[in-house]
N, C-alpha and C. Protein backbone atom coordinates (compact mmCIF):
# COMPACT_ATOMS: atom_id res chain seq x y z
N MET A 1 0.80 -1.73 0.02
CA MET A 1 0.10 0.07 0.06
C MET A 1 0.84 1.65 0.30
N LYS A 2 0.42 2.24 -0.74
CA LYS A 2 1.40 3.58 -1.41
C LYS A 2 1.57 4.61 0.05
N THR A 3 2.10 4.84 0.42
CA THR A 3 2.29 5.99 2.12
C THR A 3 2.46 7.00 1.74
N ASN A 4 1.27 7.67 2.14
CA ASN A 4 1.24 9.12 1.61
C ASN A 4 2.18 10.21 2.68
N TYR A 5 3.76 10.14 2.82
CA TYR A 5 4.50 10.53 3.80
C TYR A 5 4.51 12.23 4.01
N PRO A 6 3.47 13.23 3.21
CA PRO A 6 3.80 14.44 3.05
C PRO A 6 2.80 14.54 4.33
N LEU A 7 1.87 13.50 4.17
CA LEU A 7 0.70 13.66 4.82
C LEU A 7 1.40 13.34 6.27
N THR A 8 1.55 12.14 6.48
CA THR A 8 2.27 11.66 7.50
C THR A 8 3.06 12.64 8.93
N LEU A 9 4.36 13.10 7.69
CA LEU A 9 4.86 14.22 8.62
C LEU A 9 4.00 15.25 9.38
N THR A 10 3.44 16.11 8.07
CA THR A 10 2.48 17.00 8.67
C THR A 10 1.40 16.58 10.31
N LEU A 11 1.13 15.65 10.06
CA LEU A 11 0.23 14.82 11.28
C LEU A 11 0.88 15.16 12.37
N THR A 12 2.25 14.06 12.22
CA THR A 12 3.04 13.98 13.22
C THR A 12 3.80 15.12 13.53
N ALA A 13 4.37 16.43 12.65
CA ALA A 13 4.32 17.09 13.61
C ALA A 13 3.22 18.18 14.32
N VAL A 14 2.20 17.78 13.40
CA VAL A 14 1.04 18.70 14.17
C VAL A 14 0.43 18.10 15.83
N ALA A 15 1.38 16.77 15.85
CA ALA A 15 0.92 16.23 17.25
C ALA A 15 1.99 16.86 18.07
N ILE A 16 3.33 16.60 17.94
CA ILE A 16 4.64 17.11 18.73
C ILE A 16 4.05 18.14 18.81
N LEU A 17 4.00 19.27 18.37
CA LEU A 17 3.69 20.46 19.13
C LEU A 17 2.31 20.59 19.91
N THR A 18 1.82 20.13 19.45
CA THR A 18 0.47 19.63 20.54
C THR A 18 0.84 19.44 21.26
N ALA A 19 1.50 17.88 21.71
CA ALA A 19 1.86 17.63 23.26
C ALA A 19 3.17 18.45 23.81
N GLY A 20 3.92 19.37 23.05
CA GLY A 20 4.94 20.04 23.37
C GLY A 20 4.48 21.28 24.22
N ASN A 21 3.14 21.68 23.57
CA ASN A 21 2.49 23.34 23.72
C ASN A 21 1.63 22.65 25.52
N SER A 22 1.16 21.10 25.52
CA SER A 22 0.21 21.25 26.32
C SER A 22 1.40 20.60 27.41
N LEU A 23 2.47 20.45 27.29
CA LEU A 23 3.56 19.62 28.61
C LEU A 23 4.31 21.61 28.91
N ARG A 24 4.50 21.97 28.68
CA ARG A 24 4.83 23.43 28.73
C ARG A 24 3.70 24.06 29.37
N ALA A 25 3.03 24.19 29.12
CA ALA A 25 1.35 24.55 29.98
C ALA A 25 1.08 23.72 31.38
N ALA A 26 1.07 22.76 31.10
CA ALA A 26 1.44 21.67 32.83
C ALA A 26 2.88 22.06 33.52
N ASP A 27 3.94 22.56 33.11
CA ASP A 27 5.02 22.88 33.60
C ASP A 27 4.53 24.14 34.42
N THR A 28 4.20 25.58 33.83
CA THR A 28 4.03 26.22 33.92
C THR A 28 2.68 26.69 35.04
N ASP A 29 2.21 25.69 35.02
CA ASP A 29 0.82 25.67 36.15
C ASP A 29 1.36 24.68 37.15
N SER A 30 2.41 24.02 36.59
CA SER A 30 3.29 23.13 38.02
C SER A 30 4.14 23.97 39.08
N THR A 31 4.77 25.10 38.13
CA THR A 31 5.75 26.06 38.78
C THR A 31 5.21 27.37 39.58
N THR A 32 3.83 27.57 38.77
CA THR A 32 3.09 28.93 39.35
C THR A 32 2.52 28.64 40.82
N THR A 33 1.60 26.75 40.72
CA THR A 33 1.68 26.72 42.14
C THR A 33 2.62 26.11 42.77
N THR A 34 3.15 25.24 42.60
CA THR A 34 4.94 25.94 43.12
C THR A 34 5.19 27.44 44.17
N THR A 35 5.34 28.00 43.48
CA THR A 35 5.38 29.48 44.12
C THR A 35 4.43 30.38 45.22
N GLN A 36 3.24 29.69 44.79
CA GLN A 36 2.29 29.91 45.48
C GLN A 36 2.06 29.34 46.60
N SER A 37 2.36 27.96 46.65
CA SER A 37 2.53 27.39 47.78
C SER A 37 3.22 27.58 48.63
N THR A 38 4.53 27.87 48.28
CA THR A 38 5.99 28.44 48.95
C THR A 38 5.76 29.67 49.78
N VAL A 39 4.92 30.68 49.05
CA VAL A 39 4.67 31.91 49.59
C VAL A 39 3.77 31.59 50.66
N THR A 40 2.52 30.61 50.39
CA THR A 40 1.70 30.19 51.64
C THR A 40 1.53 29.83 52.65
N THR A 41 2.61 28.76 52.26
CA THR A 41 3.27 28.13 53.65
C THR A 41 4.20 28.63 54.69
N GLN A 42 5.08 30.10 54.00
CA GLN A 42 5.75 30.02 54.04
C GLN A 42 5.48 31.02 55.50
N PRO A 43 6.15 30.11 56.89
CA PRO A 43 5.28 31.62 58.09
C PRO A 43 5.55 32.72 58.68
N PRO A 44 5.27 33.20 58.88
CA PRO A 44 5.64 34.54 59.22
C PRO A 44 6.73 35.24 59.92
N SER A 45 7.36 35.76 59.69
CA SER A 45 9.33 35.79 60.60
C SER A 45 8.67 36.73 61.57
N SER A 46 9.30 35.96 62.56
CA SER A 46 8.39 36.40 64.46
C SER A 46 10.02 37.32 64.17
N ASP A 47 11.30 37.96 63.29
CA ASP A 47 12.33 38.84 63.94
C ASP A 47 11.47 40.09 63.71
N SER A 48 11.23 40.62 62.88
CA SER A 48 10.74 42.12 62.64
C SER A 48 10.17 42.08 64.11
N GLY A 49 8.91 41.57 64.73
CA GLY A 49 8.60 42.53 65.81
C GLY A 49 9.21 42.50 66.65
N LEU A 50 10.27 41.35 66.84
CA LEU A 50 11.69 41.68 68.11
C LEU A 50 12.78 42.89 67.72
N THR A 51 13.12 42.92 66.69
CA THR A 51 13.49 44.15 66.03
C THR A 51 12.22 45.21 66.49
N ASN A 52 12.14 45.10 66.25
CA ASN A 52 11.03 46.42 66.28
C ASN A 52 11.23 47.19 67.97
N ASN A 53 10.87 45.93 68.21
CA ASN A 53 11.07 46.29 69.76
C ASN A 53 12.31 46.55 70.41
N LEU A 54 12.72 46.03 70.06
CA LEU A 54 14.19 46.01 70.48
C LEU A 54 15.16 47.96 70.24
N THR A 55 14.98 47.79 68.79
CA THR A 55 15.18 49.56 68.29
C THR A 55 14.19 50.11 68.88
N GLU A 56 13.22 50.03 69.10
CA GLU A 56 12.31 50.93 70.01
C GLU A 56 12.30 51.24 71.26
N ILE A 57 13.48 50.57 71.97
CA ILE A 57 13.68 50.37 74.00
C ILE A 57 13.89 51.55 74.56
N TYR A 58 13.91 52.27 73.47
CA TYR A 58 14.44 53.90 74.20
C TYR A 58 13.51 54.46 73.24
N GLN A 59 12.73 55.12 74.09
CA GLN A 59 11.53 56.14 73.04
C GLN A 59 11.47 57.26 73.53
N SER A 60 10.91 58.08 72.52
CA SER A 60 10.22 59.49 72.32
C SER A 60 8.98 59.57 73.75
N HIS A 61 9.01 60.83 74.24
CA HIS A 61 7.78 61.30 75.05
C HIS A 61 7.83 60.18 76.31
N GLU A 62 9.37 60.02 76.77
CA GLU A 62 9.54 59.29 77.89
C GLU A 62 9.80 59.69 79.14
N LEU A 63 9.47 59.71 80.09
CA LEU A 63 9.22 60.02 81.56
C LEU A 63 9.74 58.19 82.67
N SER A 64 11.17 58.76 83.18
CA SER A 64 11.29 57.73 83.87
C SER A 64 11.94 58.52 84.92
N PHE A 65 11.65 57.54 85.88
CA PHE A 65 12.13 57.85 87.41
C PHE A 65 13.46 56.83 88.46
N ASP A 66 14.41 57.59 88.76
CA ASP A 66 16.22 57.47 88.82
C ASP A 66 15.96 57.04 90.39
N GLY A 67 16.58 55.89 91.02
CA GLY A 67 16.89 55.99 92.32
C GLY A 67 18.20 55.74 92.16
N PHE A 68 19.32 55.66 93.05
CA PHE A 68 20.64 55.66 92.74
C PHE A 68 21.04 55.79 94.62
N ALA A 69 22.26 55.12 94.23
CA ALA A 69 23.54 55.07 95.28
C ALA A 69 24.43 56.11 94.72
N MET A 70 24.97 57.09 95.51
CA MET A 70 26.12 57.74 94.86
C MET A 70 27.48 58.31 95.42
N GLY A 71 28.52 58.71 94.84
CA GLY A 71 29.53 58.88 96.20
C GLY A 71 30.11 60.17 95.55
N SER A 72 30.65 60.90 96.80
CA SER A 72 32.19 61.82 95.91
C SER A 72 33.22 61.98 96.44
N MET A 73 33.89 62.65 95.71
CA MET A 73 35.79 62.81 96.41
C MET A 73 35.84 64.11 95.79
N GLY A 74 36.37 64.42 96.71
CA GLY A 74 37.60 66.10 96.46
C GLY A 74 38.52 66.06 95.62
N ASN A 75 38.44 67.38 95.31
CA ASN A 75 39.68 67.82 94.42
C ASN A 75 40.83 66.89 94.77
N TYR A 76 41.30 66.96 95.66
CA TYR A 76 42.68 66.74 95.94
C TYR A 76 43.25 65.11 95.70
N THR A 77 41.72 64.13 95.73
CA THR A 77 41.62 62.63 96.08
C THR A 77 41.19 62.11 94.33
N LEU A 78 40.77 63.15 93.86
CA LEU A 78 40.61 62.96 92.38
C LEU A 78 42.38 63.37 91.27
N VAL A 79 42.99 64.52 92.10
CA VAL A 79 44.10 64.51 91.53
C VAL A 79 45.05 63.27 91.59
N HIS A 80 44.97 63.24 93.02
CA HIS A 80 45.91 61.98 93.26
C HIS A 80 44.89 60.63 94.10
N PRO A 81 44.16 59.22 93.26
CA PRO A 81 44.04 58.82 93.87
C PRO A 81 44.56 57.69 94.49
N ALA A 82 43.57 57.19 95.85
CA ALA A 82 44.85 55.79 96.49
C ALA A 82 43.26 55.34 97.00
N ILE A 83 43.38 53.99 97.41
CA ILE A 83 42.35 53.62 97.97
C ILE A 83 42.42 54.26 99.29
N ASP A 84 42.83 54.56 100.36
CA ASP A 84 42.55 54.81 101.99
C ASP A 84 42.56 56.24 101.60
N ARG A 85 42.97 57.18 100.69
CA ARG A 85 42.02 58.31 100.55
C ARG A 85 40.85 58.90 99.96
N VAL A 86 40.65 57.82 99.52
CA VAL A 86 39.02 57.76 98.89
C VAL A 86 38.40 56.91 99.99
N ARG A 87 39.08 56.26 99.96
CA ARG A 87 38.04 55.46 101.47
C ARG A 87 37.55 56.66 103.18
N ASN A 88 39.08 57.32 103.18
CA ASN A 88 38.72 58.29 104.10
C ASN A 88 38.23 59.71 104.10
N ASN A 89 38.11 59.90 102.87
CA ASN A 89 37.58 61.09 101.96
C ASN A 89 36.94 61.32 101.41
N GLY A 90 36.36 60.12 100.52
CA GLY A 90 35.42 60.15 99.89
C GLY A 90 33.56 59.96 100.73
N GLN A 91 32.58 60.41 100.34
CA GLN A 91 31.38 60.31 100.69
C GLN A 91 30.39 59.80 99.84
N GLY A 92 29.23 59.13 100.72
CA GLY A 92 28.66 58.22 100.26
C GLY A 92 26.86 58.93 100.53
N GLY A 93 25.81 58.45 99.71
CA GLY A 93 25.08 58.59 99.71
C GLY A 93 23.28 58.46 99.21
N ALA A 94 22.57 58.97 98.76
CA ALA A 94 21.38 58.08 98.45
C ALA A 94 20.21 59.18 97.54
N GLY A 95 20.44 58.98 96.07
CA GLY A 95 19.19 60.10 96.09
C GLY A 95 18.13 59.47 94.56
N VAL A 96 17.87 60.39 94.70
CA VAL A 96 16.14 59.95 93.46
C VAL A 96 16.28 61.34 92.14
N GLY A 97 15.69 60.95 90.81
CA GLY A 97 15.80 61.67 89.84
C GLY A 97 14.29 61.53 89.15
N LEU A 98 14.43 62.25 88.66
CA LEU A 98 12.94 62.58 87.20
C LEU A 98 13.33 62.93 86.00
N ASN A 99 13.76 61.66 84.87
CA ASN A 99 13.68 62.61 83.73
C ASN A 99 12.58 62.54 83.25
N TYR A 100 12.60 63.18 81.12
CA TYR A 100 11.68 63.53 80.94
C TYR A 100 12.85 63.86 79.51
N PHE A 101 12.60 62.82 78.03
CA PHE A 101 12.91 62.62 77.26
C PHE A 101 12.32 63.11 76.08
N ILE A 102 12.74 64.22 75.14
CA ILE A 102 11.37 64.61 74.17
C ILE A 102 11.13 63.88 72.76
N THR A 103 12.64 63.59 72.60
CA THR A 103 13.02 62.82 71.59
C THR A 103 13.68 61.32 72.38
N ARG A 104 14.01 60.58 71.30
CA ARG A 104 14.68 59.63 71.94
C ARG A 104 16.03 59.35 72.56
N TYR A 105 16.75 60.77 71.75
CA TYR A 105 17.79 61.46 71.86
C TYR A 105 17.98 62.59 73.09
N VAL A 106 17.07 63.43 73.46
CA VAL A 106 17.40 64.80 73.82
C VAL A 106 16.41 64.58 74.97
N GLY A 107 16.88 65.04 76.28
CA GLY A 107 15.94 64.91 77.44
C GLY A 107 16.16 65.60 78.20
N VAL A 108 15.74 65.96 79.53
CA VAL A 108 15.79 66.59 80.70
C VAL A 108 15.59 66.20 82.11
N GLY A 109 16.35 66.21 82.34
CA GLY A 109 16.44 65.49 83.99
C GLY A 109 16.72 66.54 85.34
N ALA A 110 16.13 66.14 86.46
CA ALA A 110 16.01 66.68 87.57
C ALA A 110 16.65 65.77 88.99
N GLU A 111 17.32 65.75 89.71
CA GLU A 111 17.94 65.26 90.48
C GLU A 111 17.82 66.10 92.03
N ALA A 112 17.35 64.75 93.59
CA ALA A 112 17.97 65.26 94.58
C ALA A 112 18.98 64.21 95.27
N TYR A 113 19.57 64.23 96.04
CA TYR A 113 20.72 63.09 97.29
C TYR A 113 20.84 63.89 98.31
N SER A 114 21.19 62.69 99.46
CA SER A 114 21.51 63.10 100.74
C SER A 114 22.64 62.75 100.76
N GLN A 115 23.50 62.77 101.86
CA GLN A 115 25.17 62.20 102.07
C GLN A 115 24.82 61.86 103.84
N ASN A 116 24.39 63.23 104.38
CA ASN A 116 24.42 62.74 105.69
C ASN A 116 22.65 62.92 106.53
N THR A 117 22.98 62.72 107.56
CA THR A 117 20.95 62.62 108.43
C THR A 117 21.90 64.29 108.86
N ARG A 118 22.36 64.96 109.32
CA ARG A 118 22.72 66.45 109.68
C ARG A 118 22.35 67.31 109.21
N GLY A 119 21.43 67.85 109.17
CA GLY A 119 20.86 69.41 109.06
C GLY A 119 19.86 69.24 107.80
N VAL A 120 20.00 69.79 107.46
CA VAL A 120 18.81 70.02 105.74
C VAL A 120 18.74 68.08 105.64
N PHE A 121 17.73 67.56 104.98
CA PHE A 121 17.34 66.43 104.17
C PHE A 121 17.86 66.41 102.79
N ILE A 122 17.96 67.32 102.09
CA ILE A 122 18.45 67.47 101.15
C ILE A 122 19.97 68.04 100.78
N ASP A 123 20.77 67.33 100.43
CA ASP A 123 22.20 68.13 100.68
C ASP A 123 22.45 69.05 98.84
N ASN A 124 22.03 68.61 98.09
CA ASN A 124 22.14 68.70 96.34
C ASN A 124 21.24 68.43 96.15
N ALA A 125 20.97 69.24 94.71
CA ALA A 125 20.20 69.21 93.94
C ALA A 125 20.37 69.92 92.35
N SER A 126 19.97 69.66 91.30
CA SER A 126 20.21 70.35 90.14
C SER A 126 19.37 69.26 89.18
N VAL A 127 19.68 70.15 87.74
CA VAL A 127 18.70 69.94 86.86
C VAL A 127 20.17 69.67 85.57
N ASN A 128 18.92 68.86 84.38
CA ASN A 128 20.58 68.50 83.23
C ASN A 128 20.08 68.27 82.15
N LEU A 129 20.96 68.98 81.21
CA LEU A 129 20.53 68.22 79.60
C LEU A 129 20.74 67.19 79.43
N LEU A 130 20.22 66.28 78.98
CA LEU A 130 20.90 65.11 79.13
C LEU A 130 20.60 64.34 77.17
N LEU A 131 21.76 63.86 76.38
CA LEU A 131 21.72 63.26 75.44
C LEU A 131 22.57 62.18 75.78
N ARG A 132 21.95 61.10 74.64
CA ARG A 132 21.85 60.21 75.18
C ARG A 132 21.79 59.03 73.21
N LEU A 133 22.35 58.06 73.10
CA LEU A 133 23.16 57.55 71.78
C LEU A 133 22.53 55.87 71.99
N PRO A 134 20.96 55.72 71.80
CA PRO A 134 20.60 54.25 71.79
C PRO A 134 21.59 53.43 70.61
N LEU A 135 22.49 52.00 71.37
CA LEU A 135 23.27 51.27 69.98
C LEU A 135 22.73 50.29 70.10
N GLY A 136 21.64 51.02 68.86
CA GLY A 136 20.91 49.37 67.79
C GLY A 136 19.85 48.67 69.11
N GLU A 137 20.48 47.31 68.99
CA GLU A 137 19.16 46.51 69.91
C GLU A 137 20.01 45.95 70.92
N SER A 138 20.79 46.47 70.95
CA SER A 138 21.77 46.46 71.98
C SER A 138 20.68 46.33 73.68
N GLY A 139 20.42 47.80 73.92
CA GLY A 139 19.59 47.80 75.30
C GLY A 139 20.80 49.01 75.98
N PHE A 140 21.82 48.87 75.75
CA PHE A 140 22.85 50.16 75.92
C PHE A 140 22.65 51.22 75.20
N ALA A 141 22.83 53.03 75.95
CA ALA A 141 22.81 53.77 74.79
C ALA A 141 23.79 54.45 76.09
N PRO A 142 25.32 55.06 75.63
CA PRO A 142 25.81 55.97 76.69
C PRO A 142 25.36 57.36 76.16
N TYR A 143 25.51 57.97 77.51
CA TYR A 143 24.76 59.57 77.46
C TYR A 143 26.30 60.65 78.14
N LEU A 144 25.04 61.57 77.65
CA LEU A 144 26.33 62.93 77.97
C LEU A 144 25.26 63.70 78.76
N GLN A 145 25.96 64.68 79.91
CA GLN A 145 25.30 65.39 80.75
C GLN A 145 25.78 66.79 81.35
N GLY A 146 25.30 67.57 81.25
CA GLY A 146 25.40 69.06 81.80
C GLY A 146 24.59 69.51 82.21
N GLY A 147 24.69 70.77 83.97
CA GLY A 147 24.06 70.87 83.82
C GLY A 147 24.30 71.93 85.00
N GLY A 148 23.73 72.25 86.40
CA GLY A 148 23.74 72.70 86.83
C GLY A 148 22.87 72.69 88.34
N GLY A 149 23.08 73.09 89.27
CA GLY A 149 22.39 73.30 90.84
C GLY A 149 22.39 73.90 92.44
N HIS A 150 22.03 73.53 93.27
CA HIS A 150 22.32 74.29 94.18
C HIS A 150 23.46 73.30 95.39
N GLN A 151 23.50 73.39 96.38
CA GLN A 151 24.44 72.94 97.10
C GLN A 151 23.45 73.25 98.44
N PHE A 152 23.14 72.27 99.43
CA PHE A 152 22.35 72.97 100.75
C PHE A 152 23.50 72.74 101.82
N ASP A 153 24.08 71.88 101.87
CA ASP A 153 24.90 70.64 103.18
C ASP A 153 26.21 70.55 102.60
N ALA A 154 27.23 70.82 102.89
CA ALA A 154 27.72 71.58 104.23
C ALA A 154 27.62 72.93 103.99
N ALA A 155 28.02 73.98 103.12
CA ALA A 155 27.80 75.02 102.52
C ALA A 155 27.09 75.48 101.44
N LYS A 156 26.76 76.33 101.46
CA LYS A 156 25.75 77.19 100.50
C LYS A 156 26.34 77.24 99.42
N LEU A 157 26.37 76.75 97.99
CA LEU A 157 26.73 77.41 96.99
C LEU A 157 25.85 76.91 95.72
N TRP A 158 26.25 77.51 94.90
CA TRP A 158 26.14 77.16 93.32
C TRP A 158 26.93 76.33 92.68
N PHE A 159 26.73 75.71 91.59
CA PHE A 159 27.88 74.40 90.80
C PHE A 159 26.93 74.38 89.20
N GLY A 160 28.45 74.21 88.57
CA GLY A 160 27.96 73.69 87.12
C GLY A 160 28.65 72.76 86.90
N GLN A 161 28.06 71.46 86.37
CA GLN A 161 28.49 70.11 86.57
C GLN A 161 28.16 69.75 84.93
N ALA A 162 29.38 68.50 84.74
CA ALA A 162 28.77 68.32 83.36
C ALA A 162 29.88 66.72 83.56
N GLY A 163 29.22 65.25 82.95
CA GLY A 163 29.25 64.00 82.75
C GLY A 163 29.38 63.22 81.90
N VAL A 164 29.74 62.01 82.02
CA VAL A 164 29.65 60.86 81.27
C VAL A 164 28.85 59.91 81.62
N GLY A 165 27.71 58.54 81.47
CA GLY A 165 27.25 57.50 81.64
C GLY A 165 26.72 56.16 80.55
N MET A 166 26.27 55.21 81.03
CA MET A 166 25.96 54.81 80.35
C MET A 166 24.97 54.19 81.24
N GLU A 167 23.51 53.86 80.21
CA GLU A 167 22.62 53.19 80.49
C GLU A 167 21.72 52.04 80.05
N TYR A 168 21.95 50.95 80.62
CA TYR A 168 21.66 49.45 79.87
C TYR A 168 19.89 49.33 80.70
N ARG A 169 19.17 48.64 79.65
CA ARG A 169 17.49 48.20 79.48
C ARG A 169 17.28 46.55 79.43
N PHE A 170 17.28 46.28 80.32
CA PHE A 170 16.67 44.97 80.62
C PHE A 170 15.22 44.81 79.59
N CYS A 171 14.29 45.92 79.25
CA CYS A 171 13.58 45.90 78.80
C CYS A 171 12.53 47.62 78.73
N HIS A 172 11.84 47.88 78.46
CA HIS A 172 11.41 48.82 77.91
C HIS A 172 11.23 50.06 78.79
N ASN A 173 10.80 49.35 80.36
CA ASN A 173 10.06 50.01 81.58
C ASN A 173 11.67 49.54 82.46
N ILE A 174 12.43 48.54 82.49
CA ILE A 174 13.51 49.13 83.21
C ILE A 174 14.76 48.72 83.00
N GLY A 175 15.78 49.66 83.30
CA GLY A 175 17.02 49.27 83.21
C GLY A 175 18.00 49.73 84.16
N MET A 176 18.83 49.87 83.75
CA MET A 176 20.40 50.18 84.90
C MET A 176 21.25 50.79 84.69
N PHE A 177 21.74 51.61 84.91
CA PHE A 177 22.63 53.19 84.71
C PHE A 177 24.14 53.25 85.35
N VAL A 178 24.94 53.89 85.09
CA VAL A 178 26.42 54.00 85.82
C VAL A 178 26.81 55.42 85.18
N ASP A 179 26.92 56.85 85.87
CA ASP A 179 27.72 57.67 85.31
C ASP A 179 28.43 58.22 86.48
N ALA A 180 29.77 59.15 85.66
CA ALA A 180 30.23 60.00 86.86
C ALA A 180 30.44 61.47 86.24
N ARG A 181 30.66 62.40 87.12
CA ARG A 181 31.11 64.14 86.37
C ARG A 181 31.66 64.94 87.35
N ALA A 182 32.48 65.95 86.88
CA ALA A 182 32.72 66.48 87.22
C ALA A 182 32.10 67.95 87.94
N VAL A 183 32.35 68.45 88.74
CA VAL A 183 31.51 69.64 89.34
C VAL A 183 32.29 70.54 89.65
N TRP A 184 32.12 71.61 89.31
CA TRP A 184 32.51 72.81 89.69
C TRP A 184 31.52 74.21 90.44
N PRO A 185 31.67 73.68 91.53
CA PRO A 185 31.51 75.40 92.38
C PRO A 185 31.77 76.51 92.37
N ASN A 186 30.67 77.22 92.83
CA ASN A 186 31.54 78.99 92.63
C ASN A 186 32.27 79.31 93.96
N GLU A 187 32.60 78.57 94.58
CA GLU A 187 32.88 79.21 96.07
C GLU A 187 34.48 77.71 96.78
N THR A 188 34.31 76.88 96.21
CA THR A 188 34.90 75.95 96.51
C THR A 188 35.70 75.06 95.89
N LYS A 189 36.44 74.17 95.40
CA LYS A 189 37.13 73.75 94.69
C LYS A 189 36.63 72.77 93.87
N THR A 190 36.57 72.00 92.86
CA THR A 190 35.80 70.87 91.35
C THR A 190 36.12 69.79 92.46
N TYR A 191 35.24 68.96 92.56
CA TYR A 191 35.06 67.65 93.19
C TYR A 191 33.86 66.72 92.08
N GLY A 192 34.57 65.59 92.51
CA GLY A 192 33.50 64.48 91.36
C GLY A 192 32.27 63.74 92.12
N VAL A 193 31.68 62.88 91.08
CA VAL A 193 30.55 62.15 91.71
C VAL A 193 30.60 61.39 91.17
N GLY A 194 30.23 60.00 91.40
CA GLY A 194 29.83 58.62 90.48
C GLY A 194 28.50 58.51 91.16
N ARG A 195 27.26 57.64 90.23
CA ARG A 195 25.76 57.31 90.86
C ARG A 195 26.33 56.19 90.43
N VAL A 196 25.02 54.94 90.61
CA VAL A 196 24.88 53.67 89.94
C VAL A 196 23.32 53.45 90.44
N GLY A 197 22.45 52.60 89.51
CA GLY A 197 20.92 52.77 89.97
C GLY A 197 20.45 51.88 89.04
N LEU A 198 19.40 52.39 89.72
CA LEU A 198 18.14 51.77 88.36
C LEU A 198 17.01 52.58 88.28
N GLN A 199 16.28 52.66 87.01
CA GLN A 199 15.84 53.04 85.88
C GLN A 199 14.15 52.63 86.00
N PHE A 200 13.27 53.34 85.86
CA PHE A 200 11.86 52.84 85.56
C PHE A 200 11.18 53.76 84.61
N ALA A 201 10.95 53.37 83.29
CA ALA A 201 10.86 53.77 82.58
C ALA A 201 8.96 53.90 82.12
N PHE A 202 8.20 55.11 81.90
CA PHE A 202 7.08 54.93 81.09
C PHE A 202 6.49 55.89 80.22
């Protein structure tokens, strides 16, 4: 029987093209389905919320309350430090403070402390400008402070002061801090003050 090769080749080509188009369409549908399934089934990342919380652990319009222990040393002890001199000439005390941060970086603070139970209850009160720099998600924030105030006991005088410190927040509401400052009274020699305490932010 005579075979019609042109017709056979034409029908074969059409069949191959049709099958190829069907396979390509099936492969495209499969890829799309797999992609959609991957996007749908991928669990949402929990890191974003944690990162935001840690980044914003120091916030603007933040009010905080400080409770601290402090110590002061005279000018001679600062210039010529020694363990015995610090023990004999240093004075300890305790105090409280209140801070308000207008932005995450700039705030104002007021504090008062007492170093003895004789005379007036408050020995020293001051106000300060506070500049802090939160370090990413670490919870640490170094800060600068500068301002002035009044000493009520043992001598009544005015003073200026400036210092540096470091704060660490366990969470948004609770942290601790340590700082040191130089104090320049208007009538006596320079002395130093160091503080360590807890902070409660709202």
